[in-house]
Amino acid sequence: MKAFRLFLALLSLAPLAAPAETYKIDSAHSKIAFSVHQFVSNVRGEFHRFSGTIEVDRDHPEQSSVTARISVGSIDTKIQKRDHHLLSAEFFDAAKFPEITFKSRNVKRAGESSGDIVGDFTMHGVTKPMTLHVKLSTPPSGESLPDRTRWIVTTDPINRKDFRLMFSSATESISGISSNVTPTIEIEAVRTK
C-alpha cells in the first residue's frame, strides 16, 4: 500500500503534457492575396472568403496540423469584368472547382518562432505538394492577446500552368501574363480551446 501511495505522489508531481491548442482563422483580420506580372506592371488581387483550422501541439510540433479552404468565387482584382473572366470555364471554372484547399502532412520547427509546413495544395482539381514557411508576428510592445496568434506565411511562386490554369492559346499569346503567381499571406487566428 505504501508503494502505491508513493506512486500516486510521484505521478502528481510529474509534469503534464500541454494539451494541443485549436485555433480558427479569423478572416476579418487575415489576408490571402496574390500578384502576377503582366507586361510592365503587376496585377494584384485577393480572396475575401476563406477559413481554416490550426492545431498546435507545443510539446510535439511535428504533430501540429493546418487545414485551409479558399472560396474561388471570392476573388477580387478590382476589375469586375476580369474577375468574371477568371471565374469562367476558361480559367478557374469556379462552378466545377469552387475551392482551393491546403492540408498539412508534416510540420517542422525552423526556429523559436518559425516553422515549415509541408502539405497538399489543391487548385482546379490538381493536387501538388507545397511548403509554407511561417513566422510568428510579434505584437506591439505592451500589447497582450493570449488567445490570438498572427503569422506571416511565405511560399515559392505558384506556376499556374501546373494546375491547368491557362487561357486559350490565342489569349495566352497576347496577354503578357506570367505563369508564376506570387502569394502574400497574413493569418490571424483565435484560440477556440
N, C-alpha and C. Protein backbone atom coordinates (compact mmCIF):
# COMPACT_ATOMS: atom_id res chain seq x y z
N MET A 1 0.82 -1.21 0.00
CA MET A 1 0.00 0.00 0.00
C MET A 1 0.86 1.26 0.00
N LYS A 2 1.98 1.20 0.82
CA LYS A 2 2.87 2.36 0.84
C LYS A 2 3.46 2.63 -0.54
N ALA A 3 3.82 1.56 -1.24
CA ALA A 3 4.39 1.71 -2.59
C ALA A 3 3.38 2.35 -3.53
N PHE A 4 2.12 1.96 -3.41
CA PHE A 4 1.08 2.51 -4.28
C PHE A 4 0.88 4.00 -4.00
N ARG A 5 0.87 4.38 -2.71
CA ARG A 5 0.71 5.79 -2.36
C ARG A 5 1.90 6.60 -2.87
N LEU A 6 3.10 6.03 -2.78
CA LEU A 6 4.29 6.71 -3.29
C LEU A 6 4.18 6.92 -4.80
N PHE A 7 3.68 5.92 -5.51
CA PHE A 7 3.49 6.03 -6.96
C PHE A 7 2.54 7.17 -7.30
N LEU A 8 1.42 7.26 -6.55
CA LEU A 8 0.46 8.33 -6.79
C LEU A 8 1.07 9.70 -6.52
N ALA A 9 1.89 9.78 -5.47
CA ALA A 9 2.53 11.05 -5.14
C ALA A 9 3.48 11.48 -6.24
N LEU A 10 4.28 10.54 -6.74
CA LEU A 10 5.21 10.85 -7.82
C LEU A 10 4.46 11.25 -9.09
N LEU A 11 3.35 10.57 -9.34
CA LEU A 11 2.56 10.87 -10.52
C LEU A 11 2.01 12.29 -10.46
N SER A 12 1.62 12.71 -9.26
CA SER A 12 1.07 14.05 -9.12
C SER A 12 2.12 15.12 -9.33
N LEU A 13 3.40 14.77 -9.11
CA LEU A 13 4.49 15.73 -9.29
C LEU A 13 5.01 15.76 -10.72
N ALA A 14 4.71 14.75 -11.50
CA ALA A 14 5.22 14.67 -12.87
C ALA A 14 4.59 15.76 -13.72
N PRO A 15 5.38 16.42 -14.58
CA PRO A 15 4.82 17.45 -15.45
C PRO A 15 3.84 16.84 -16.44
N LEU A 16 2.71 17.51 -16.59
CA LEU A 16 1.70 17.04 -17.52
C LEU A 16 1.97 17.61 -18.91
N ALA A 17 1.73 16.82 -19.93
CA ALA A 17 1.89 17.31 -21.30
C ALA A 17 0.83 18.36 -21.59
N ALA A 18 1.25 19.46 -22.19
CA ALA A 18 0.31 20.52 -22.53
C ALA A 18 -0.65 20.03 -23.61
N PRO A 19 -1.95 20.27 -23.42
CA PRO A 19 -2.90 19.81 -24.44
C PRO A 19 -2.72 20.60 -25.73
N ALA A 20 -3.07 19.98 -26.84
CA ALA A 20 -3.00 20.67 -28.12
C ALA A 20 -3.98 21.84 -28.12
N GLU A 21 -3.60 22.92 -28.77
CA GLU A 21 -4.45 24.10 -28.85
C GLU A 21 -5.07 24.18 -30.24
N THR A 22 -6.33 24.55 -30.30
CA THR A 22 -7.03 24.68 -31.57
C THR A 22 -7.30 26.15 -31.86
N TYR A 23 -6.92 26.59 -33.06
CA TYR A 23 -7.15 27.96 -33.49
C TYR A 23 -7.99 27.95 -34.77
N LYS A 24 -8.86 28.95 -34.90
CA LYS A 24 -9.62 29.15 -36.12
C LYS A 24 -9.12 30.43 -36.79
N ILE A 25 -8.95 30.38 -38.10
CA ILE A 25 -8.51 31.56 -38.83
C ILE A 25 -9.59 32.63 -38.77
N ASP A 26 -9.19 33.83 -38.40
CA ASP A 26 -10.09 34.98 -38.36
C ASP A 26 -9.95 35.72 -39.69
N SER A 27 -10.85 35.44 -40.62
CA SER A 27 -10.71 36.00 -41.97
C SER A 27 -10.84 37.52 -41.99
N ALA A 28 -11.53 38.09 -40.99
CA ALA A 28 -11.70 39.54 -40.95
C ALA A 28 -10.38 40.26 -40.67
N HIS A 29 -9.44 39.54 -40.05
CA HIS A 29 -8.14 40.13 -39.72
C HIS A 29 -6.99 39.41 -40.41
N SER A 30 -7.31 38.67 -41.45
CA SER A 30 -6.29 37.94 -42.22
C SER A 30 -6.36 38.38 -43.68
N LYS A 31 -5.35 37.97 -44.44
CA LYS A 31 -5.31 38.36 -45.85
C LYS A 31 -4.67 37.25 -46.67
N ILE A 32 -5.34 36.90 -47.77
CA ILE A 32 -4.77 35.97 -48.75
C ILE A 32 -4.82 36.69 -50.09
N ALA A 33 -3.66 37.12 -50.54
CA ALA A 33 -3.58 37.93 -51.76
C ALA A 33 -2.55 37.33 -52.71
N PHE A 34 -2.46 37.91 -53.90
CA PHE A 34 -1.52 37.40 -54.90
C PHE A 34 -1.17 38.52 -55.88
N SER A 35 -0.08 38.33 -56.58
CA SER A 35 0.29 39.24 -57.67
C SER A 35 0.89 38.42 -58.80
N VAL A 36 0.68 38.90 -60.02
CA VAL A 36 1.22 38.23 -61.20
C VAL A 36 1.67 39.31 -62.19
N HIS A 37 2.84 39.12 -62.76
CA HIS A 37 3.39 40.13 -63.66
C HIS A 37 2.69 40.08 -65.02
N GLN A 38 2.37 41.26 -65.53
CA GLN A 38 1.78 41.38 -66.86
C GLN A 38 2.41 42.58 -67.55
N PHE A 39 3.10 42.32 -68.65
CA PHE A 39 3.82 43.36 -69.39
C PHE A 39 4.78 44.09 -68.45
N VAL A 40 4.53 45.37 -68.13
CA VAL A 40 5.49 46.13 -67.32
C VAL A 40 4.98 46.38 -65.90
N SER A 41 3.88 45.77 -65.53
CA SER A 41 3.32 46.00 -64.19
C SER A 41 2.87 44.68 -63.57
N ASN A 42 2.30 44.77 -62.39
CA ASN A 42 1.79 43.60 -61.69
C ASN A 42 0.28 43.71 -61.49
N VAL A 43 -0.41 42.63 -61.78
CA VAL A 43 -1.84 42.54 -61.47
C VAL A 43 -1.96 41.97 -60.06
N ARG A 44 -2.70 42.65 -59.21
CA ARG A 44 -2.86 42.20 -57.82
C ARG A 44 -4.32 41.86 -57.53
N GLY A 45 -4.49 40.91 -56.64
CA GLY A 45 -5.84 40.52 -56.25
C GLY A 45 -5.83 39.83 -54.91
N GLU A 46 -7.00 39.49 -54.44
CA GLU A 46 -7.11 38.77 -53.17
C GLU A 46 -8.40 37.97 -53.14
N PHE A 47 -8.46 37.07 -52.16
CA PHE A 47 -9.67 36.28 -51.91
C PHE A 47 -10.26 36.77 -50.60
N HIS A 48 -11.57 37.03 -50.61
CA HIS A 48 -12.21 37.59 -49.42
C HIS A 48 -12.82 36.53 -48.50
N ARG A 49 -13.09 35.34 -49.02
CA ARG A 49 -13.73 34.31 -48.19
C ARG A 49 -12.81 33.10 -48.07
N PHE A 50 -12.43 32.79 -46.85
CA PHE A 50 -11.58 31.63 -46.58
C PHE A 50 -11.73 31.25 -45.11
N SER A 51 -11.34 30.03 -44.81
CA SER A 51 -11.45 29.53 -43.44
C SER A 51 -10.34 28.52 -43.20
N GLY A 52 -10.12 28.19 -41.95
CA GLY A 52 -9.09 27.21 -41.66
C GLY A 52 -8.98 26.90 -40.18
N THR A 53 -8.36 25.78 -39.89
CA THR A 53 -8.14 25.34 -38.51
C THR A 53 -6.67 25.01 -38.32
N ILE A 54 -6.13 25.46 -37.21
CA ILE A 54 -4.73 25.21 -36.87
C ILE A 54 -4.68 24.48 -35.53
N GLU A 55 -4.12 23.28 -35.53
CA GLU A 55 -3.93 22.52 -34.30
C GLU A 55 -2.46 22.64 -33.90
N VAL A 56 -2.21 23.22 -32.74
CA VAL A 56 -0.85 23.47 -32.28
C VAL A 56 -0.52 22.56 -31.10
N ASP A 57 0.48 21.70 -31.28
CA ASP A 57 0.99 20.86 -30.20
C ASP A 57 2.38 21.38 -29.84
N ARG A 58 2.46 22.14 -28.76
CA ARG A 58 3.72 22.81 -28.42
C ARG A 58 4.79 21.82 -27.96
N ASP A 59 4.37 20.71 -27.35
CA ASP A 59 5.34 19.70 -26.91
C ASP A 59 5.87 18.88 -28.07
N HIS A 60 5.03 18.66 -29.06
CA HIS A 60 5.41 17.87 -30.23
C HIS A 60 4.96 18.62 -31.49
N PRO A 61 5.73 19.65 -31.89
CA PRO A 61 5.33 20.47 -33.04
C PRO A 61 5.06 19.67 -34.30
N GLU A 62 5.75 18.54 -34.45
CA GLU A 62 5.57 17.74 -35.66
C GLU A 62 4.17 17.13 -35.74
N GLN A 63 3.45 17.14 -34.62
CA GLN A 63 2.08 16.62 -34.61
C GLN A 63 1.04 17.72 -34.81
N SER A 64 1.50 18.94 -34.99
CA SER A 64 0.58 20.05 -35.29
C SER A 64 0.03 19.87 -36.70
N SER A 65 -1.05 20.57 -37.00
CA SER A 65 -1.65 20.43 -38.33
C SER A 65 -2.36 21.71 -38.74
N VAL A 66 -2.53 21.84 -40.07
CA VAL A 66 -3.21 23.00 -40.65
C VAL A 66 -4.12 22.54 -41.77
N THR A 67 -5.34 23.03 -41.78
CA THR A 67 -6.22 22.83 -42.93
C THR A 67 -6.82 24.19 -43.29
N ALA A 68 -6.96 24.45 -44.58
CA ALA A 68 -7.50 25.74 -45.02
C ALA A 68 -8.30 25.57 -46.30
N ARG A 69 -9.33 26.41 -46.44
CA ARG A 69 -10.17 26.42 -47.64
C ARG A 69 -10.36 27.86 -48.10
N ILE A 70 -10.25 28.05 -49.40
CA ILE A 70 -10.45 29.37 -50.01
C ILE A 70 -11.58 29.28 -51.02
N SER A 71 -12.52 30.20 -50.94
CA SER A 71 -13.61 30.25 -51.91
C SER A 71 -13.12 30.94 -53.18
N VAL A 72 -13.04 30.20 -54.28
CA VAL A 72 -12.57 30.76 -55.55
C VAL A 72 -13.46 31.92 -55.98
N GLY A 73 -14.76 31.80 -55.72
CA GLY A 73 -15.71 32.83 -56.14
C GLY A 73 -15.52 34.17 -55.46
N SER A 74 -14.67 34.23 -54.43
CA SER A 74 -14.45 35.49 -53.72
C SER A 74 -13.26 36.27 -54.26
N ILE A 75 -12.72 35.85 -55.40
CA ILE A 75 -11.57 36.55 -55.98
C ILE A 75 -11.93 37.99 -56.31
N ASP A 76 -10.98 38.89 -56.10
CA ASP A 76 -11.21 40.32 -56.33
C ASP A 76 -9.92 40.95 -56.85
N THR A 77 -9.92 41.34 -58.12
CA THR A 77 -8.77 42.03 -58.71
C THR A 77 -9.09 43.49 -58.99
N LYS A 78 -10.21 43.97 -58.45
CA LYS A 78 -10.67 45.36 -58.58
C LYS A 78 -11.24 45.69 -59.96
N ILE A 79 -11.28 44.69 -60.84
CA ILE A 79 -11.91 44.89 -62.16
C ILE A 79 -12.92 43.76 -62.32
N GLN A 80 -14.20 44.10 -62.25
CA GLN A 80 -15.25 43.08 -62.23
C GLN A 80 -15.26 42.22 -63.49
N LYS A 81 -15.04 42.84 -64.63
CA LYS A 81 -15.05 42.09 -65.88
C LYS A 81 -13.94 41.04 -65.88
N ARG A 82 -12.78 41.41 -65.38
CA ARG A 82 -11.66 40.46 -65.31
C ARG A 82 -11.97 39.33 -64.33
N ASP A 83 -12.59 39.68 -63.20
CA ASP A 83 -12.95 38.65 -62.22
C ASP A 83 -13.91 37.63 -62.82
N HIS A 84 -14.90 38.11 -63.56
CA HIS A 84 -15.86 37.20 -64.19
C HIS A 84 -15.16 36.27 -65.18
N HIS A 85 -14.17 36.83 -65.90
CA HIS A 85 -13.42 36.01 -66.85
C HIS A 85 -12.61 34.95 -66.12
N LEU A 86 -11.97 35.33 -65.02
CA LEU A 86 -11.17 34.38 -64.26
C LEU A 86 -12.02 33.24 -63.68
N LEU A 87 -13.25 33.55 -63.33
CA LEU A 87 -14.13 32.54 -62.74
C LEU A 87 -14.80 31.65 -63.77
N SER A 88 -14.70 32.03 -65.02
CA SER A 88 -15.37 31.29 -66.09
C SER A 88 -14.70 29.94 -66.34
N ALA A 89 -15.34 29.13 -67.18
CA ALA A 89 -14.82 27.80 -67.50
C ALA A 89 -13.47 27.87 -68.21
N GLU A 90 -13.13 29.02 -68.77
CA GLU A 90 -11.84 29.14 -69.48
C GLU A 90 -10.66 29.16 -68.51
N PHE A 91 -10.91 29.55 -67.26
CA PHE A 91 -9.77 29.65 -66.33
C PHE A 91 -10.04 28.84 -65.05
N PHE A 92 -10.52 29.46 -63.98
CA PHE A 92 -10.74 28.73 -62.73
C PHE A 92 -11.87 27.72 -62.81
N ASP A 93 -12.85 27.97 -63.67
CA ASP A 93 -14.04 27.11 -63.75
C ASP A 93 -14.62 26.92 -62.34
N ALA A 94 -14.96 28.06 -61.71
CA ALA A 94 -15.39 28.06 -60.31
C ALA A 94 -16.64 27.23 -60.06
N ALA A 95 -17.48 27.08 -61.06
CA ALA A 95 -18.69 26.26 -60.88
C ALA A 95 -18.32 24.80 -60.63
N LYS A 96 -17.25 24.34 -61.25
CA LYS A 96 -16.81 22.95 -61.11
C LYS A 96 -15.79 22.78 -59.99
N PHE A 97 -14.95 23.79 -59.80
CA PHE A 97 -13.90 23.73 -58.77
C PHE A 97 -14.03 24.95 -57.86
N PRO A 98 -14.98 24.93 -56.93
CA PRO A 98 -15.30 26.12 -56.14
C PRO A 98 -14.30 26.45 -55.03
N GLU A 99 -13.40 25.53 -54.70
CA GLU A 99 -12.49 25.77 -53.58
C GLU A 99 -11.03 25.48 -53.92
N ILE A 100 -10.17 26.21 -53.25
CA ILE A 100 -8.74 25.92 -53.20
C ILE A 100 -8.47 25.43 -51.78
N THR A 101 -7.75 24.32 -51.63
CA THR A 101 -7.55 23.77 -50.28
C THR A 101 -6.07 23.49 -49.99
N PHE A 102 -5.76 23.49 -48.71
CA PHE A 102 -4.43 23.09 -48.24
C PHE A 102 -4.62 22.20 -47.02
N LYS A 103 -3.92 21.08 -47.01
CA LYS A 103 -3.96 20.16 -45.86
C LYS A 103 -2.54 19.73 -45.54
N SER A 104 -2.09 20.01 -44.34
CA SER A 104 -0.71 19.71 -43.96
C SER A 104 -0.47 18.22 -43.81
N ARG A 105 0.78 17.83 -44.08
CA ARG A 105 1.22 16.45 -43.88
C ARG A 105 2.36 16.37 -42.87
N ASN A 106 3.10 17.47 -42.75
CA ASN A 106 4.29 17.46 -41.89
C ASN A 106 4.58 18.88 -41.43
N VAL A 107 4.91 19.03 -40.17
CA VAL A 107 5.25 20.34 -39.61
C VAL A 107 6.62 20.24 -38.95
N LYS A 108 7.51 21.17 -39.28
CA LYS A 108 8.85 21.17 -38.71
C LYS A 108 9.15 22.54 -38.13
N ARG A 109 9.68 22.55 -36.91
CA ARG A 109 10.10 23.81 -36.31
C ARG A 109 11.42 24.24 -36.94
N ALA A 110 11.47 25.49 -37.40
CA ALA A 110 12.69 26.01 -38.03
C ALA A 110 13.44 26.95 -37.10
N GLY A 111 12.76 27.46 -36.10
CA GLY A 111 13.36 28.39 -35.15
C GLY A 111 12.43 28.57 -33.97
N GLU A 112 12.78 29.50 -33.08
CA GLU A 112 11.96 29.71 -31.89
C GLU A 112 10.54 30.15 -32.24
N SER A 113 10.41 30.93 -33.31
CA SER A 113 9.08 31.44 -33.68
C SER A 113 8.79 31.24 -35.17
N SER A 114 9.37 30.19 -35.76
CA SER A 114 9.14 29.94 -37.18
C SER A 114 9.12 28.44 -37.45
N GLY A 115 8.56 28.09 -38.59
CA GLY A 115 8.49 26.68 -38.95
C GLY A 115 8.14 26.49 -40.41
N ASP A 116 8.22 25.25 -40.86
CA ASP A 116 7.87 24.88 -42.23
C ASP A 116 6.72 23.88 -42.19
N ILE A 117 5.72 24.15 -43.00
CA ILE A 117 4.55 23.27 -43.07
C ILE A 117 4.48 22.68 -44.47
N VAL A 118 4.64 21.39 -44.57
CA VAL A 118 4.56 20.69 -45.86
C VAL A 118 3.17 20.07 -45.98
N GLY A 119 2.53 20.29 -47.12
CA GLY A 119 1.19 19.73 -47.27
C GLY A 119 0.76 19.60 -48.71
N ASP A 120 -0.50 19.25 -48.89
CA ASP A 120 -1.09 19.08 -50.22
C ASP A 120 -1.93 20.30 -50.56
N PHE A 121 -1.58 20.94 -51.66
CA PHE A 121 -2.28 22.13 -52.15
C PHE A 121 -3.09 21.72 -53.37
N THR A 122 -4.40 21.95 -53.31
CA THR A 122 -5.28 21.54 -54.40
C THR A 122 -5.97 22.76 -55.00
N MET A 123 -5.85 22.90 -56.31
CA MET A 123 -6.47 24.01 -57.03
C MET A 123 -6.86 23.54 -58.42
N HIS A 124 -8.06 23.86 -58.84
CA HIS A 124 -8.54 23.50 -60.18
C HIS A 124 -8.47 21.99 -60.42
N GLY A 125 -8.71 21.23 -59.34
CA GLY A 125 -8.73 19.78 -59.46
C GLY A 125 -7.38 19.11 -59.50
N VAL A 126 -6.31 19.88 -59.30
CA VAL A 126 -4.95 19.34 -59.33
C VAL A 126 -4.32 19.50 -57.94
N THR A 127 -3.69 18.45 -57.44
CA THR A 127 -3.04 18.48 -56.13
C THR A 127 -1.53 18.39 -56.29
N LYS A 128 -0.82 19.32 -55.66
CA LYS A 128 0.64 19.35 -55.70
C LYS A 128 1.18 19.57 -54.28
N PRO A 129 2.39 19.08 -53.99
CA PRO A 129 2.98 19.37 -52.68
C PRO A 129 3.36 20.84 -52.58
N MET A 130 3.22 21.39 -51.40
CA MET A 130 3.59 22.79 -51.17
C MET A 130 4.19 22.93 -49.78
N THR A 131 5.20 23.77 -49.66
CA THR A 131 5.80 24.08 -48.37
C THR A 131 5.51 25.53 -48.00
N LEU A 132 4.90 25.72 -46.85
CA LEU A 132 4.64 27.05 -46.33
C LEU A 132 5.67 27.37 -45.25
N HIS A 133 6.31 28.52 -45.37
CA HIS A 133 7.26 28.99 -44.36
C HIS A 133 6.51 29.99 -43.48
N VAL A 134 6.37 29.68 -42.20
CA VAL A 134 5.57 30.53 -41.32
C VAL A 134 6.45 31.15 -40.24
N LYS A 135 6.13 32.40 -39.92
CA LYS A 135 6.88 33.12 -38.88
C LYS A 135 5.89 33.87 -38.00
N LEU A 136 6.04 33.69 -36.70
CA LEU A 136 5.17 34.36 -35.75
C LEU A 136 5.42 35.86 -35.80
N SER A 137 4.35 36.63 -35.93
CA SER A 137 4.45 38.09 -35.95
C SER A 137 4.27 38.59 -34.52
N THR A 138 5.30 39.23 -33.98
CA THR A 138 5.27 39.70 -32.59
C THR A 138 4.36 40.91 -32.46
N PRO A 139 3.43 40.91 -31.49
CA PRO A 139 2.55 42.06 -31.31
C PRO A 139 3.32 43.27 -30.81
N PRO A 140 2.77 44.47 -30.98
CA PRO A 140 3.44 45.68 -30.50
C PRO A 140 3.74 45.59 -29.01
N SER A 141 4.78 46.29 -28.59
CA SER A 141 5.20 46.27 -27.19
C SER A 141 4.04 46.65 -26.27
N GLY A 142 3.85 45.83 -25.24
CA GLY A 142 2.81 46.12 -24.26
C GLY A 142 1.45 45.56 -24.62
N GLU A 143 1.29 45.04 -25.83
CA GLU A 143 0.00 44.50 -26.25
C GLU A 143 -0.03 43.00 -25.98
N SER A 144 -1.03 42.56 -25.26
CA SER A 144 -1.14 41.15 -24.90
C SER A 144 -2.45 40.58 -25.41
N LEU A 145 -2.36 39.60 -26.31
CA LEU A 145 -3.54 38.94 -26.85
C LEU A 145 -3.32 37.43 -26.74
N PRO A 146 -3.49 36.87 -25.54
CA PRO A 146 -3.13 35.46 -25.31
C PRO A 146 -3.92 34.46 -26.14
N ASP A 147 -5.12 34.82 -26.55
CA ASP A 147 -5.94 33.88 -27.31
C ASP A 147 -5.85 34.09 -28.82
N ARG A 148 -4.96 34.95 -29.24
CA ARG A 148 -4.78 35.22 -30.67
C ARG A 148 -3.33 35.03 -31.07
N THR A 149 -3.13 34.63 -32.29
CA THR A 149 -1.77 34.48 -32.82
C THR A 149 -1.77 34.98 -34.26
N ARG A 150 -0.68 35.58 -34.67
CA ARG A 150 -0.59 36.15 -36.02
C ARG A 150 0.66 35.62 -36.70
N TRP A 151 0.49 35.18 -37.95
CA TRP A 151 1.58 34.56 -38.69
C TRP A 151 1.75 35.22 -40.06
N ILE A 152 3.00 35.38 -40.45
CA ILE A 152 3.34 35.78 -41.82
C ILE A 152 3.74 34.50 -42.55
N VAL A 153 3.11 34.24 -43.68
CA VAL A 153 3.32 32.99 -44.42
C VAL A 153 3.90 33.29 -45.79
N THR A 154 4.98 32.61 -46.14
CA THR A 154 5.57 32.76 -47.47
C THR A 154 5.72 31.38 -48.11
N THR A 155 5.74 31.38 -49.42
CA THR A 155 5.97 30.15 -50.17
C THR A 155 6.54 30.53 -51.53
N ASP A 156 7.04 29.55 -52.25
CA ASP A 156 7.57 29.82 -53.58
C ASP A 156 6.43 30.25 -54.51
N PRO A 157 6.76 31.02 -55.56
CA PRO A 157 5.73 31.36 -56.55
C PRO A 157 5.05 30.10 -57.08
N ILE A 158 3.78 30.21 -57.37
CA ILE A 158 2.99 29.09 -57.89
C ILE A 158 2.90 29.20 -59.40
N ASN A 159 3.31 28.15 -60.10
CA ASN A 159 3.16 28.13 -61.56
C ASN A 159 1.72 27.72 -61.88
N ARG A 160 0.95 28.67 -62.35
CA ARG A 160 -0.48 28.40 -62.60
C ARG A 160 -0.68 27.29 -63.64
N LYS A 161 0.26 27.14 -64.55
CA LYS A 161 0.11 26.13 -65.59
C LYS A 161 0.24 24.71 -65.03
N ASP A 162 0.91 24.58 -63.87
CA ASP A 162 0.98 23.27 -63.20
C ASP A 162 -0.40 22.81 -62.75
N PHE A 163 -1.32 23.77 -62.62
CA PHE A 163 -2.68 23.47 -62.18
C PHE A 163 -3.70 23.64 -63.32
N ARG A 164 -3.18 23.60 -64.53
CA ARG A 164 -4.00 23.70 -65.74
C ARG A 164 -4.80 25.01 -65.78
N LEU A 165 -4.23 26.06 -65.20
CA LEU A 165 -4.86 27.37 -65.24
C LEU A 165 -4.27 28.16 -66.40
N MET A 166 -4.89 28.01 -67.53
CA MET A 166 -4.41 28.66 -68.76
C MET A 166 -5.59 29.20 -69.55
N PHE A 167 -5.34 30.32 -70.19
CA PHE A 167 -6.34 30.87 -71.10
C PHE A 167 -6.23 30.13 -72.43
N SER A 168 -7.06 30.49 -73.36
CA SER A 168 -6.96 29.90 -74.69
C SER A 168 -5.61 30.25 -75.29
N SER A 169 -5.18 29.48 -76.27
CA SER A 169 -3.87 29.72 -76.90
C SER A 169 -3.78 31.13 -77.45
N ALA A 170 -4.86 31.60 -78.05
CA ALA A 170 -4.86 32.94 -78.63
C ALA A 170 -4.69 34.00 -77.54
N THR A 171 -5.39 33.82 -76.42
CA THR A 171 -5.31 34.79 -75.32
C THR A 171 -3.94 34.74 -74.66
N GLU A 172 -3.42 33.54 -74.42
CA GLU A 172 -2.11 33.41 -73.78
C GLU A 172 -1.02 34.09 -74.60
N SER A 173 -1.13 34.01 -75.91
CA SER A 173 -0.07 34.53 -76.78
C SER A 173 0.02 36.05 -76.76
N ILE A 174 -1.07 36.72 -76.40
CA ILE A 174 -1.06 38.19 -76.42
C ILE A 174 -1.27 38.82 -75.04
N SER A 175 -1.50 37.99 -74.03
CA SER A 175 -1.87 38.55 -72.73
C SER A 175 -0.70 39.15 -71.97
N GLY A 176 0.50 38.61 -72.19
CA GLY A 176 1.67 39.08 -71.45
C GLY A 176 1.65 38.70 -69.98
N ILE A 177 0.82 37.73 -69.61
CA ILE A 177 0.68 37.34 -68.21
C ILE A 177 1.69 36.24 -67.87
N SER A 178 2.43 36.45 -66.80
CA SER A 178 3.43 35.47 -66.36
C SER A 178 2.75 34.18 -65.90
N SER A 179 3.49 33.10 -65.98
CA SER A 179 2.98 31.82 -65.47
C SER A 179 3.07 31.75 -63.95
N ASN A 180 3.98 32.55 -63.37
CA ASN A 180 4.22 32.48 -61.92
C ASN A 180 3.36 33.49 -61.16
N VAL A 181 2.71 33.00 -60.13
CA VAL A 181 1.86 33.82 -59.27
C VAL A 181 2.47 33.84 -57.87
N THR A 182 2.65 35.04 -57.32
CA THR A 182 3.27 35.18 -56.00
C THR A 182 2.22 35.42 -54.93
N PRO A 183 2.07 34.49 -53.99
CA PRO A 183 1.09 34.68 -52.90
C PRO A 183 1.61 35.61 -51.81
N THR A 184 0.70 36.31 -51.15
CA THR A 184 1.00 37.09 -49.96
C THR A 184 -0.03 36.70 -48.91
N ILE A 185 0.44 36.13 -47.81
CA ILE A 185 -0.48 35.57 -46.82
C ILE A 185 -0.15 36.08 -45.42
N GLU A 186 -1.15 36.64 -44.77
CA GLU A 186 -1.05 37.04 -43.37
C GLU A 186 -2.24 36.43 -42.63
N ILE A 187 -1.96 35.66 -41.61
CA ILE A 187 -3.01 34.93 -40.91
C ILE A 187 -3.09 35.34 -39.44
N GLU A 188 -4.29 35.69 -39.02
CA GLU A 188 -4.55 35.88 -37.60
C GLU A 188 -5.57 34.82 -37.19
N ALA A 189 -5.29 34.13 -36.11
CA ALA A 189 -6.17 33.05 -35.68
C ALA A 189 -6.51 33.21 -34.20
N VAL A 190 -7.71 32.78 -33.85
CA VAL A 190 -8.18 32.90 -32.47
C VAL A 190 -8.33 31.51 -31.86
N ARG A 191 -7.87 31.37 -30.64
CA ARG A 191 -7.91 30.06 -29.97
C ARG A 191 -9.34 29.72 -29.55
N THR A 192 -9.75 28.51 -29.87
CA THR A 192 -11.09 28.06 -29.51
C THR A 192 -11.08 27.09 -28.34
N LYS A 193 -9.91 26.48 -28.08
CA LYS A 193 -9.78 25.61 -26.90
C LYS A 193 -8.32 25.42 -26.56
